[in-house]
Structures are given as C-alpha cells and as structure tokens.
Amino acid sequence: MKRSIAPTRLFIAFAIVFVLGIAPRAQAGENKVCSNATLRGSFGYTATGTLLPTAVPAALAGPFGEIGRQTFDGNGHTTATATINANGNIVNVTIEGTYTVNPDCTGSMTRNVSPWVLQHTMTL
C-alpha cells in the first residue's frame, strides 16, 4: 500500500514552519541591565596596532602586539599581566586600572601600565 501526504496536511505543515520562522524570538540579554558587577572574572586577550610617538617614548613607537590575562573584580577595579612587543622591545608588564559598565552594557576602562608610565582609556 502506498502512502501519501494529503495536500492539506502539507500546507498546514509549511504554514506552521513559516509562522514559527517569522515569530519574534527572545534575544540573549534582552531587557538586561548591566553594572560593574556584570563584568567579573579573568579573561585572556590579545591586542595589535601601532603606537604613536606622541603617546609613548620614541623607542617604543611603531608596531605593537600584546597578549595577557586581565581580571575584573566586579567592583570597577581591574588588574592584568601581559607581554608586550612595542617596536621590537619585548617587556613583561603589570596593569592596574578602573572600569565602568553602563546599564546598556557599554562601558569604559582606564589602564595604567608598568614599568612604563603609560595610561590609556578605552570605550568598551
């Protein structure tokens, strides 16, 4: 005996799939309010770019690469250790700083890098 799907059933199945496909879906973080406490824990990171002579000592100006691990305490304070290659000068650094997380989950961070006396601010 040969079975077949009735056209009506096939139409209903396609209609259900179509409706479910266009129905609004909940998004991760929807209606979520962030704060400094939202950013907590340790994270590995990398950074690359170019250091300008107006921002760093002349010997460090040029190509830049960094790899490190940064920890956020949930209260607006951050620390990190990293290895930096600044224009061929490889240095292990420690970093301390502060951060602010806004209710819309954007934010900013200021980091002080030692042994160099460098400070940079970024928007997250």
N, C-alpha and C. Protein backbone atom coordinates (compact mmCIF):
# COMPACT_ATOMS: atom_id res chain seq x y z
N MET A 1 0.84 -1.16 0.00
CA MET A 1 0.00 0.00 0.00
C MET A 1 0.90 1.23 0.00
N LYS A 2 0.63 2.15 -0.85
CA LYS A 2 1.42 3.36 -0.99
C LYS A 2 0.77 4.48 -0.19
N ARG A 3 1.55 5.11 0.67
CA ARG A 3 1.02 6.21 1.47
C ARG A 3 1.42 7.52 0.83
N SER A 4 0.60 8.52 1.01
CA SER A 4 0.92 9.86 0.53
C SER A 4 0.41 10.87 1.54
N ILE A 5 1.06 12.00 1.56
CA ILE A 5 0.64 13.07 2.47
C ILE A 5 -0.39 13.91 1.74
N ALA A 6 -1.49 14.11 2.37
CA ALA A 6 -2.56 14.90 1.77
C ALA A 6 -2.09 16.34 1.60
N PRO A 7 -2.46 16.99 0.51
CA PRO A 7 -2.05 18.38 0.28
C PRO A 7 -2.41 19.31 1.43
N THR A 8 -3.54 19.08 2.08
CA THR A 8 -3.95 19.95 3.19
C THR A 8 -2.96 19.84 4.34
N ARG A 9 -2.55 18.61 4.67
CA ARG A 9 -1.59 18.42 5.75
C ARG A 9 -0.25 19.05 5.41
N LEU A 10 0.17 18.92 4.16
CA LEU A 10 1.43 19.50 3.71
C LEU A 10 1.37 21.02 3.82
N PHE A 11 0.24 21.62 3.42
CA PHE A 11 0.07 23.07 3.51
C PHE A 11 0.13 23.52 4.96
N ILE A 12 -0.53 22.80 5.86
CA ILE A 12 -0.53 23.16 7.29
C ILE A 12 0.87 23.07 7.85
N ALA A 13 1.62 22.04 7.49
CA ALA A 13 3.00 21.90 7.98
C ALA A 13 3.86 23.07 7.52
N PHE A 14 3.76 23.45 6.23
CA PHE A 14 4.52 24.59 5.73
C PHE A 14 4.09 25.89 6.42
N ALA A 15 2.80 26.05 6.67
CA ALA A 15 2.30 27.26 7.32
C ALA A 15 2.85 27.38 8.73
N ILE A 16 2.89 26.28 9.46
CA ILE A 16 3.42 26.30 10.83
C ILE A 16 4.90 26.66 10.82
N VAL A 17 5.66 26.05 9.94
CA VAL A 17 7.09 26.36 9.85
C VAL A 17 7.30 27.83 9.50
N PHE A 18 6.49 28.36 8.57
CA PHE A 18 6.60 29.76 8.17
C PHE A 18 6.31 30.69 9.34
N VAL A 19 5.22 30.43 10.05
CA VAL A 19 4.83 31.28 11.18
C VAL A 19 5.89 31.24 12.28
N LEU A 20 6.38 30.06 12.60
CA LEU A 20 7.42 29.96 13.62
C LEU A 20 8.70 30.65 13.18
N GLY A 21 8.98 30.65 11.89
CA GLY A 21 10.18 31.29 11.37
C GLY A 21 10.15 32.79 11.44
N ILE A 22 8.95 33.40 11.39
CA ILE A 22 8.88 34.86 11.42
C ILE A 22 8.44 35.40 12.78
N ALA A 23 8.08 34.53 13.70
CA ALA A 23 7.64 34.97 15.02
C ALA A 23 8.82 35.62 15.75
N PRO A 24 8.57 36.67 16.53
CA PRO A 24 9.64 37.30 17.29
C PRO A 24 10.28 36.29 18.23
N ARG A 25 11.58 36.38 18.33
CA ARG A 25 12.31 35.47 19.21
C ARG A 25 12.97 36.27 20.32
N ALA A 26 13.09 35.67 21.48
CA ALA A 26 13.79 36.31 22.58
C ALA A 26 15.28 36.37 22.24
N GLN A 27 15.90 37.48 22.50
CA GLN A 27 17.32 37.66 22.24
C GLN A 27 18.08 37.53 23.55
N ALA A 28 19.28 36.99 23.47
CA ALA A 28 20.12 36.88 24.66
C ALA A 28 20.37 38.27 25.19
N GLY A 29 20.20 38.46 26.47
CA GLY A 29 20.47 39.75 27.09
C GLY A 29 19.35 40.76 26.90
N GLU A 30 18.23 40.34 26.30
CA GLU A 30 17.12 41.27 26.08
C GLU A 30 16.62 41.77 27.43
N ASN A 31 16.42 43.07 27.52
CA ASN A 31 15.96 43.72 28.75
C ASN A 31 16.93 43.53 29.91
N LYS A 32 18.16 43.23 29.62
CA LYS A 32 19.15 43.04 30.67
C LYS A 32 19.76 44.38 31.05
N VAL A 33 19.95 44.60 32.31
CA VAL A 33 20.60 45.80 32.80
C VAL A 33 21.97 45.38 33.33
N CYS A 34 23.00 46.06 32.85
CA CYS A 34 24.37 45.73 33.26
C CYS A 34 24.87 46.70 34.31
N SER A 35 25.94 46.29 35.00
CA SER A 35 26.60 47.12 36.00
C SER A 35 28.04 46.62 36.12
N ASN A 36 28.84 47.26 36.96
CA ASN A 36 30.20 46.79 37.18
C ASN A 36 30.22 45.33 37.63
N ALA A 37 29.22 44.93 38.40
CA ALA A 37 29.16 43.55 38.89
C ALA A 37 28.97 42.55 37.75
N THR A 38 28.46 43.01 36.60
CA THR A 38 28.27 42.13 35.44
C THR A 38 29.60 41.66 34.88
N LEU A 39 30.62 42.50 35.00
CA LEU A 39 31.96 42.17 34.47
C LEU A 39 32.83 41.70 35.62
N ARG A 40 32.97 40.39 35.72
CA ARG A 40 33.72 39.78 36.83
C ARG A 40 34.39 38.51 36.32
N GLY A 41 35.67 38.33 36.69
CA GLY A 41 36.39 37.13 36.30
C GLY A 41 37.65 37.46 35.52
N SER A 42 38.34 36.41 35.08
CA SER A 42 39.59 36.56 34.33
C SER A 42 39.39 36.17 32.87
N PHE A 43 40.05 36.94 32.00
CA PHE A 43 39.92 36.74 30.57
C PHE A 43 41.27 36.88 29.89
N GLY A 44 41.55 36.02 28.93
CA GLY A 44 42.74 36.17 28.11
C GLY A 44 42.43 37.15 26.99
N TYR A 45 43.45 37.88 26.52
CA TYR A 45 43.22 38.84 25.45
C TYR A 45 44.48 39.02 24.61
N THR A 46 44.28 39.55 23.42
CA THR A 46 45.38 39.97 22.55
C THR A 46 45.05 41.34 22.01
N ALA A 47 46.08 42.08 21.64
CA ALA A 47 45.89 43.40 21.02
C ALA A 47 47.03 43.63 20.04
N THR A 48 46.73 44.27 18.93
CA THR A 48 47.76 44.64 17.96
C THR A 48 47.45 46.03 17.44
N GLY A 49 48.48 46.69 16.91
CA GLY A 49 48.27 48.01 16.36
C GLY A 49 49.59 48.74 16.19
N THR A 50 49.52 50.05 16.25
CA THR A 50 50.69 50.90 16.11
C THR A 50 50.68 51.91 17.24
N LEU A 51 51.81 52.03 17.93
CA LEU A 51 51.95 53.04 18.98
C LEU A 51 52.52 54.31 18.35
N LEU A 52 51.89 55.42 18.62
CA LEU A 52 52.32 56.70 18.06
C LEU A 52 53.34 57.37 18.97
N PRO A 53 54.32 58.09 18.40
CA PRO A 53 55.35 58.72 19.22
C PRO A 53 54.81 59.80 20.15
N THR A 54 53.63 60.30 19.90
CA THR A 54 53.04 61.29 20.81
C THR A 54 52.48 60.65 22.07
N ALA A 55 52.27 59.32 22.05
CA ALA A 55 51.66 58.63 23.19
C ALA A 55 52.66 57.83 24.02
N VAL A 56 53.81 57.49 23.45
CA VAL A 56 54.80 56.65 24.14
C VAL A 56 56.19 57.21 23.88
N PRO A 57 57.20 56.75 24.65
CA PRO A 57 58.58 57.13 24.34
C PRO A 57 58.95 56.73 22.91
N ALA A 58 59.79 57.52 22.26
CA ALA A 58 60.13 57.32 20.85
C ALA A 58 60.61 55.90 20.55
N ALA A 59 61.37 55.28 21.45
CA ALA A 59 61.90 53.94 21.22
C ALA A 59 60.79 52.89 21.13
N LEU A 60 59.62 53.20 21.69
CA LEU A 60 58.51 52.24 21.68
C LEU A 60 57.53 52.48 20.53
N ALA A 61 57.64 53.61 19.86
CA ALA A 61 56.71 53.94 18.78
C ALA A 61 56.91 53.00 17.61
N GLY A 62 55.82 52.52 17.06
CA GLY A 62 55.86 51.60 15.93
C GLY A 62 54.91 50.45 16.14
N PRO A 63 55.17 49.31 15.46
CA PRO A 63 54.27 48.15 15.58
C PRO A 63 54.16 47.68 17.03
N PHE A 64 52.98 47.20 17.37
CA PHE A 64 52.67 46.84 18.74
C PHE A 64 51.88 45.54 18.78
N GLY A 65 52.21 44.67 19.72
CA GLY A 65 51.44 43.45 19.96
C GLY A 65 51.43 43.15 21.45
N GLU A 66 50.35 42.59 21.94
CA GLU A 66 50.23 42.31 23.37
C GLU A 66 49.40 41.06 23.57
N ILE A 67 49.79 40.25 24.54
CA ILE A 67 49.00 39.10 24.95
C ILE A 67 49.01 39.08 26.47
N GLY A 68 47.84 38.86 27.07
CA GLY A 68 47.78 38.92 28.52
C GLY A 68 46.55 38.29 29.09
N ARG A 69 46.46 38.41 30.42
CA ARG A 69 45.31 37.92 31.16
C ARG A 69 44.86 39.03 32.08
N GLN A 70 43.58 39.40 31.97
CA GLN A 70 43.04 40.51 32.74
C GLN A 70 41.93 40.01 33.64
N THR A 71 41.91 40.52 34.88
CA THR A 71 40.91 40.13 35.86
C THR A 71 40.08 41.35 36.27
N PHE A 72 38.77 41.17 36.27
CA PHE A 72 37.83 42.20 36.68
C PHE A 72 37.19 41.74 37.99
N ASP A 73 37.13 42.64 39.01
CA ASP A 73 36.66 42.23 40.33
C ASP A 73 35.17 42.41 40.57
N GLY A 74 34.43 42.97 39.62
CA GLY A 74 33.00 43.18 39.81
C GLY A 74 32.68 44.47 40.53
N ASN A 75 33.73 45.19 40.97
CA ASN A 75 33.55 46.45 41.70
C ASN A 75 34.19 47.63 40.99
N GLY A 76 34.62 47.45 39.75
CA GLY A 76 35.20 48.55 38.99
C GLY A 76 36.71 48.61 39.01
N HIS A 77 37.38 47.58 39.52
CA HIS A 77 38.84 47.55 39.55
C HIS A 77 39.33 46.38 38.71
N THR A 78 40.42 46.60 37.96
CA THR A 78 40.97 45.55 37.11
C THR A 78 42.48 45.48 37.25
N THR A 79 43.01 44.27 37.12
CA THR A 79 44.46 44.04 37.10
C THR A 79 44.77 43.09 35.95
N ALA A 80 46.01 43.15 35.48
CA ALA A 80 46.40 42.26 34.39
C ALA A 80 47.91 42.07 34.40
N THR A 81 48.34 41.00 33.78
CA THR A 81 49.74 40.78 33.45
C THR A 81 49.78 40.51 31.95
N ALA A 82 50.83 41.01 31.30
CA ALA A 82 50.89 40.85 29.84
C ALA A 82 52.33 40.87 29.37
N THR A 83 52.54 40.38 28.17
CA THR A 83 53.81 40.52 27.47
C THR A 83 53.54 41.40 26.26
N ILE A 84 54.35 42.44 26.13
CA ILE A 84 54.16 43.42 25.07
C ILE A 84 55.38 43.45 24.18
N ASN A 85 55.14 43.54 22.88
CA ASN A 85 56.20 43.79 21.90
C ASN A 85 55.89 45.16 21.31
N ALA A 86 56.68 46.15 21.73
CA ALA A 86 56.49 47.51 21.25
C ALA A 86 57.70 47.90 20.41
N ASN A 87 57.52 47.88 19.10
CA ASN A 87 58.58 48.24 18.15
C ASN A 87 59.83 47.38 18.36
N GLY A 88 59.62 46.08 18.64
CA GLY A 88 60.73 45.15 18.83
C GLY A 88 61.23 45.05 20.26
N ASN A 89 60.73 45.87 21.15
CA ASN A 89 61.11 45.83 22.57
C ASN A 89 60.10 44.95 23.30
N ILE A 90 60.56 43.80 23.79
CA ILE A 90 59.66 42.86 24.47
C ILE A 90 59.77 43.08 25.97
N VAL A 91 58.62 43.33 26.59
CA VAL A 91 58.58 43.66 28.01
C VAL A 91 57.39 42.97 28.66
N ASN A 92 57.62 42.41 29.85
CA ASN A 92 56.52 41.91 30.67
C ASN A 92 56.02 43.06 31.52
N VAL A 93 54.71 43.26 31.53
CA VAL A 93 54.14 44.39 32.25
C VAL A 93 53.06 43.94 33.22
N THR A 94 52.79 44.80 34.19
CA THR A 94 51.63 44.65 35.05
C THR A 94 50.73 45.85 34.80
N ILE A 95 49.47 45.62 34.94
CA ILE A 95 48.48 46.65 34.61
C ILE A 95 47.47 46.73 35.75
N GLU A 96 47.14 47.95 36.12
CA GLU A 96 46.06 48.19 37.07
C GLU A 96 45.16 49.25 36.48
N GLY A 97 43.90 49.20 36.83
CA GLY A 97 43.01 50.20 36.29
C GLY A 97 41.62 50.13 36.88
N THR A 98 40.77 50.95 36.28
CA THR A 98 39.37 51.00 36.70
C THR A 98 38.49 50.83 35.47
N TYR A 99 37.26 50.40 35.70
CA TYR A 99 36.30 50.28 34.60
C TYR A 99 34.92 50.64 35.10
N THR A 100 34.09 51.04 34.15
CA THR A 100 32.70 51.37 34.42
C THR A 100 31.84 50.69 33.37
N VAL A 101 30.83 49.95 33.82
CA VAL A 101 29.88 49.31 32.91
C VAL A 101 28.56 50.05 33.04
N ASN A 102 28.05 50.55 31.92
CA ASN A 102 26.79 51.29 31.89
C ASN A 102 25.60 50.33 31.87
N PRO A 103 24.41 50.82 32.23
CA PRO A 103 23.21 49.97 32.23
C PRO A 103 22.93 49.32 30.87
N ASP A 104 23.35 49.97 29.75
CA ASP A 104 23.12 49.38 28.41
C ASP A 104 24.23 48.42 28.00
N CYS A 105 25.09 48.04 28.94
CA CYS A 105 26.17 47.06 28.77
C CYS A 105 27.36 47.59 27.96
N THR A 106 27.43 48.90 27.70
CA THR A 106 28.64 49.51 27.16
C THR A 106 29.45 49.99 28.36
N GLY A 107 30.63 50.51 28.13
CA GLY A 107 31.41 50.99 29.25
C GLY A 107 32.72 51.60 28.84
N SER A 108 33.56 51.88 29.82
CA SER A 108 34.89 52.43 29.56
C SER A 108 35.86 51.88 30.59
N MET A 109 37.15 51.99 30.24
CA MET A 109 38.18 51.44 31.11
C MET A 109 39.44 52.30 30.98
N THR A 110 40.11 52.55 32.09
CA THR A 110 41.41 53.23 32.10
C THR A 110 42.41 52.27 32.71
N ARG A 111 43.55 52.06 32.01
CA ARG A 111 44.57 51.13 32.48
C ARG A 111 45.90 51.86 32.61
N ASN A 112 46.61 51.61 33.70
CA ASN A 112 47.95 52.13 33.92
C ASN A 112 48.94 50.98 33.76
N VAL A 113 49.91 51.14 32.86
CA VAL A 113 50.84 50.08 32.50
C VAL A 113 52.20 50.35 33.14
N SER A 114 52.74 49.37 33.88
CA SER A 114 54.07 49.47 34.49
C SER A 114 54.94 48.36 33.93
N PRO A 115 56.20 48.52 33.67
CA PRO A 115 57.09 49.51 34.23
C PRO A 115 57.05 50.85 33.50
N TRP A 116 56.41 50.93 32.35
CA TRP A 116 56.29 52.23 31.68
C TRP A 116 55.23 53.02 32.41
N VAL A 117 55.35 54.28 32.36
CA VAL A 117 54.31 55.13 32.94
C VAL A 117 53.37 55.51 31.81
N LEU A 118 52.53 54.55 31.45
CA LEU A 118 51.57 54.75 30.37
C LEU A 118 50.17 54.61 30.91
N GLN A 119 49.30 55.41 30.40
CA GLN A 119 47.89 55.29 30.76
C GLN A 119 47.09 55.40 29.48
N HIS A 120 46.12 54.52 29.32
CA HIS A 120 45.24 54.65 28.17
C HIS A 120 43.81 54.36 28.60
N THR A 121 42.91 55.07 27.95
CA THR A 121 41.48 54.94 28.23
C THR A 121 40.81 54.41 26.97
N MET A 122 39.87 53.49 27.15
CA MET A 122 39.16 52.92 26.01
C MET A 122 37.69 52.79 26.30
N THR A 123 36.92 52.80 25.25
CA THR A 123 35.48 52.59 25.36
C THR A 123 35.20 51.15 25.02
N LEU A 124 34.41 50.50 25.85
CA LEU A 124 34.07 49.09 25.67
C LEU A 124 32.77 48.95 24.93
